[in-house]
Amino acid sequence: MNITPLQIYFIGQVAIVTGAWGMDLTGSMWPMAFGASTGCMCTAPLVRQLLARWRERRSR
């Protein structure tokens, strides 16, 4: 199974929403902190792909 960077990004967005739900449920900031850091880590592959495409177009 091949997972694309965009799919990884959406997984990160789900982690953020889940963290917000967990924060509302528990009253603790920990779930949101974990969700936000997961979202940031899941955004990195998409940013790398977009930068690689931009560099490729720029070098032509």
N, C-alpha and C. Protein backbone atom coordinates (compact mmCIF):
# COMPACT_ATOMS: atom_id res chain seq x y z
N MET A 1 0.85 -1.18 0.00
CA MET A 1 0.00 0.00 0.00
C MET A 1 0.89 1.24 0.00
N ASN A 2 0.65 2.11 -0.94
CA ASN A 2 1.45 3.32 -1.09
C ASN A 2 0.65 4.52 -0.57
N ILE A 3 1.14 5.14 0.48
CA ILE A 3 0.46 6.30 1.07
C ILE A 3 1.12 7.57 0.55
N THR A 4 0.32 8.47 0.03
CA THR A 4 0.84 9.71 -0.53
C THR A 4 1.04 10.76 0.58
N PRO A 5 1.88 11.76 0.32
CA PRO A 5 2.07 12.83 1.31
C PRO A 5 0.78 13.57 1.65
N LEU A 6 -0.13 13.69 0.69
CA LEU A 6 -1.39 14.37 0.97
C LEU A 6 -2.23 13.54 1.95
N GLN A 7 -2.21 12.23 1.80
CA GLN A 7 -2.94 11.38 2.74
C GLN A 7 -2.33 11.47 4.14
N ILE A 8 -1.01 11.54 4.22
CA ILE A 8 -0.34 11.70 5.51
C ILE A 8 -0.74 13.03 6.14
N TYR A 9 -0.84 14.08 5.32
CA TYR A 9 -1.27 15.39 5.81
C TYR A 9 -2.66 15.31 6.43
N PHE A 10 -3.58 14.62 5.73
CA PHE A 10 -4.94 14.50 6.25
C PHE A 10 -4.98 13.67 7.53
N ILE A 11 -4.12 12.69 7.66
CA ILE A 11 -4.01 11.94 8.91
C ILE A 11 -3.61 12.89 10.04
N GLY A 12 -2.69 13.81 9.76
CA GLY A 12 -2.29 14.80 10.75
C GLY A 12 -3.43 15.72 11.14
N GLN A 13 -4.25 16.09 10.16
CA GLN A 13 -5.40 16.94 10.47
C GLN A 13 -6.41 16.20 11.35
N VAL A 14 -6.58 14.92 11.10
CA VAL A 14 -7.45 14.11 11.96
C VAL A 14 -6.88 14.04 13.38
N ALA A 15 -5.56 13.95 13.50
CA ALA A 15 -4.92 13.92 14.82
C ALA A 15 -5.17 15.22 15.57
N ILE A 16 -5.15 16.35 14.87
CA ILE A 16 -5.40 17.64 15.51
C ILE A 16 -6.85 17.71 16.01
N VAL A 17 -7.79 17.30 15.17
CA VAL A 17 -9.19 17.32 15.57
C VAL A 17 -9.43 16.36 16.74
N THR A 18 -8.81 15.19 16.67
CA THR A 18 -8.95 14.23 17.77
C THR A 18 -8.35 14.79 19.06
N GLY A 19 -7.22 15.48 18.95
CA GLY A 19 -6.61 16.10 20.12
C GLY A 19 -7.50 17.18 20.71
N ALA A 20 -8.16 17.96 19.85
CA ALA A 20 -9.08 18.99 20.35
C ALA A 20 -10.28 18.35 21.05
N TRP A 21 -10.77 17.26 20.48
CA TRP A 21 -11.88 16.54 21.12
C TRP A 21 -11.43 15.98 22.47
N GLY A 22 -10.22 15.41 22.52
CA GLY A 22 -9.70 14.87 23.78
C GLY A 22 -9.49 15.96 24.82
N MET A 23 -9.07 17.13 24.37
CA MET A 23 -8.88 18.25 25.29
C MET A 23 -10.23 18.68 25.88
N ASP A 24 -11.25 18.72 25.03
CA ASP A 24 -12.58 19.09 25.51
C ASP A 24 -13.12 18.04 26.48
N LEU A 25 -12.84 16.79 26.19
CA LEU A 25 -13.35 15.70 27.01
C LEU A 25 -12.66 15.62 28.37
N THR A 26 -11.33 15.79 28.39
CA THR A 26 -10.58 15.61 29.62
C THR A 26 -10.28 16.90 30.37
N GLY A 27 -10.28 18.03 29.66
CA GLY A 27 -9.92 19.29 30.29
C GLY A 27 -8.41 19.48 30.41
N SER A 28 -7.65 18.58 29.81
CA SER A 28 -6.19 18.65 29.85
C SER A 28 -5.67 19.14 28.50
N MET A 29 -4.51 19.79 28.52
CA MET A 29 -3.90 20.27 27.28
C MET A 29 -3.08 19.20 26.58
N TRP A 30 -2.79 18.09 27.24
CA TRP A 30 -1.94 17.04 26.68
C TRP A 30 -2.47 16.47 25.37
N PRO A 31 -3.75 16.12 25.27
CA PRO A 31 -4.22 15.57 23.98
C PRO A 31 -4.03 16.53 22.81
N MET A 32 -4.28 17.81 23.05
CA MET A 32 -4.11 18.79 21.97
C MET A 32 -2.64 18.96 21.63
N ALA A 33 -1.78 18.91 22.63
CA ALA A 33 -0.34 19.01 22.36
C ALA A 33 0.14 17.84 21.51
N PHE A 34 -0.31 16.65 21.84
CA PHE A 34 0.08 15.48 21.05
C PHE A 34 -0.51 15.55 19.64
N GLY A 35 -1.76 15.97 19.53
CA GLY A 35 -2.39 16.09 18.22
C GLY A 35 -1.71 17.14 17.35
N ALA A 36 -1.35 18.27 17.96
CA ALA A 36 -0.70 19.35 17.20
C ALA A 36 0.69 18.94 16.74
N SER A 37 1.45 18.28 17.60
CA SER A 37 2.79 17.86 17.19
C SER A 37 2.72 16.77 16.12
N THR A 38 1.73 15.89 16.22
CA THR A 38 1.54 14.88 15.17
C THR A 38 1.16 15.55 13.86
N GLY A 39 0.30 16.54 13.93
CA GLY A 39 -0.08 17.28 12.72
C GLY A 39 1.10 17.96 12.06
N CYS A 40 1.99 18.54 12.85
CA CYS A 40 3.19 19.17 12.30
C CYS A 40 4.10 18.15 11.64
N MET A 41 4.29 17.02 12.28
CA MET A 41 5.15 15.98 11.71
C MET A 41 4.55 15.40 10.43
N CYS A 42 3.24 15.31 10.37
CA CYS A 42 2.58 14.77 9.18
C CYS A 42 2.53 15.77 8.03
N THR A 43 2.78 17.03 8.31
CA THR A 43 2.80 18.05 7.26
C THR A 43 4.14 18.07 6.53
N ALA A 44 5.20 17.64 7.18
CA ALA A 44 6.54 17.70 6.61
C ALA A 44 6.68 16.98 5.26
N PRO A 45 6.16 15.76 5.08
CA PRO A 45 6.31 15.11 3.77
C PRO A 45 5.65 15.89 2.63
N LEU A 46 4.50 16.50 2.91
CA LEU A 46 3.82 17.29 1.87
C LEU A 46 4.64 18.52 1.51
N VAL A 47 5.19 19.18 2.51
CA VAL A 47 6.01 20.37 2.25
C VAL A 47 7.26 19.99 1.46
N ARG A 48 7.88 18.86 1.80
CA ARG A 48 9.06 18.40 1.05
C ARG A 48 8.71 18.13 -0.41
N GLN A 49 7.56 17.50 -0.64
CA GLN A 49 7.15 17.21 -2.00
C GLN A 49 6.89 18.49 -2.78
N LEU A 50 6.20 19.44 -2.16
CA LEU A 50 5.92 20.70 -2.85
C LEU A 50 7.20 21.49 -3.14
N LEU A 51 8.14 21.47 -2.20
CA LEU A 51 9.41 22.16 -2.44
C LEU A 51 10.20 21.49 -3.56
N ALA A 52 10.18 20.17 -3.61
CA ALA A 52 10.89 19.46 -4.68
C ALA A 52 10.30 19.80 -6.03
N ARG A 53 8.96 19.86 -6.12
CA ARG A 53 8.33 20.24 -7.38
C ARG A 53 8.67 21.68 -7.76
N TRP A 54 8.70 22.57 -6.78
CA TRP A 54 9.02 23.97 -7.04
C TRP A 54 10.46 24.11 -7.53
N ARG A 55 11.38 23.39 -6.89
CA ARG A 55 12.79 23.44 -7.31
C ARG A 55 12.96 22.89 -8.71
N GLU A 56 12.23 21.82 -9.02
CA GLU A 56 12.32 21.23 -10.35
C GLU A 56 11.85 22.20 -11.42
N ARG A 57 10.74 22.87 -11.17
CA ARG A 57 10.24 23.86 -12.14
C ARG A 57 11.17 25.04 -12.28
N ARG A 58 11.76 25.45 -11.17
CA ARG A 58 12.63 26.61 -11.18
C ARG A 58 13.93 26.33 -11.93
N SER A 59 14.40 25.08 -11.89
CA SER A 59 15.68 24.73 -12.52
C SER A 59 15.55 24.59 -14.04
N ARG A 60 14.35 24.54 -14.57
CA ARG A 60 14.18 24.39 -16.02
C ARG A 60 14.53 25.64 -16.77
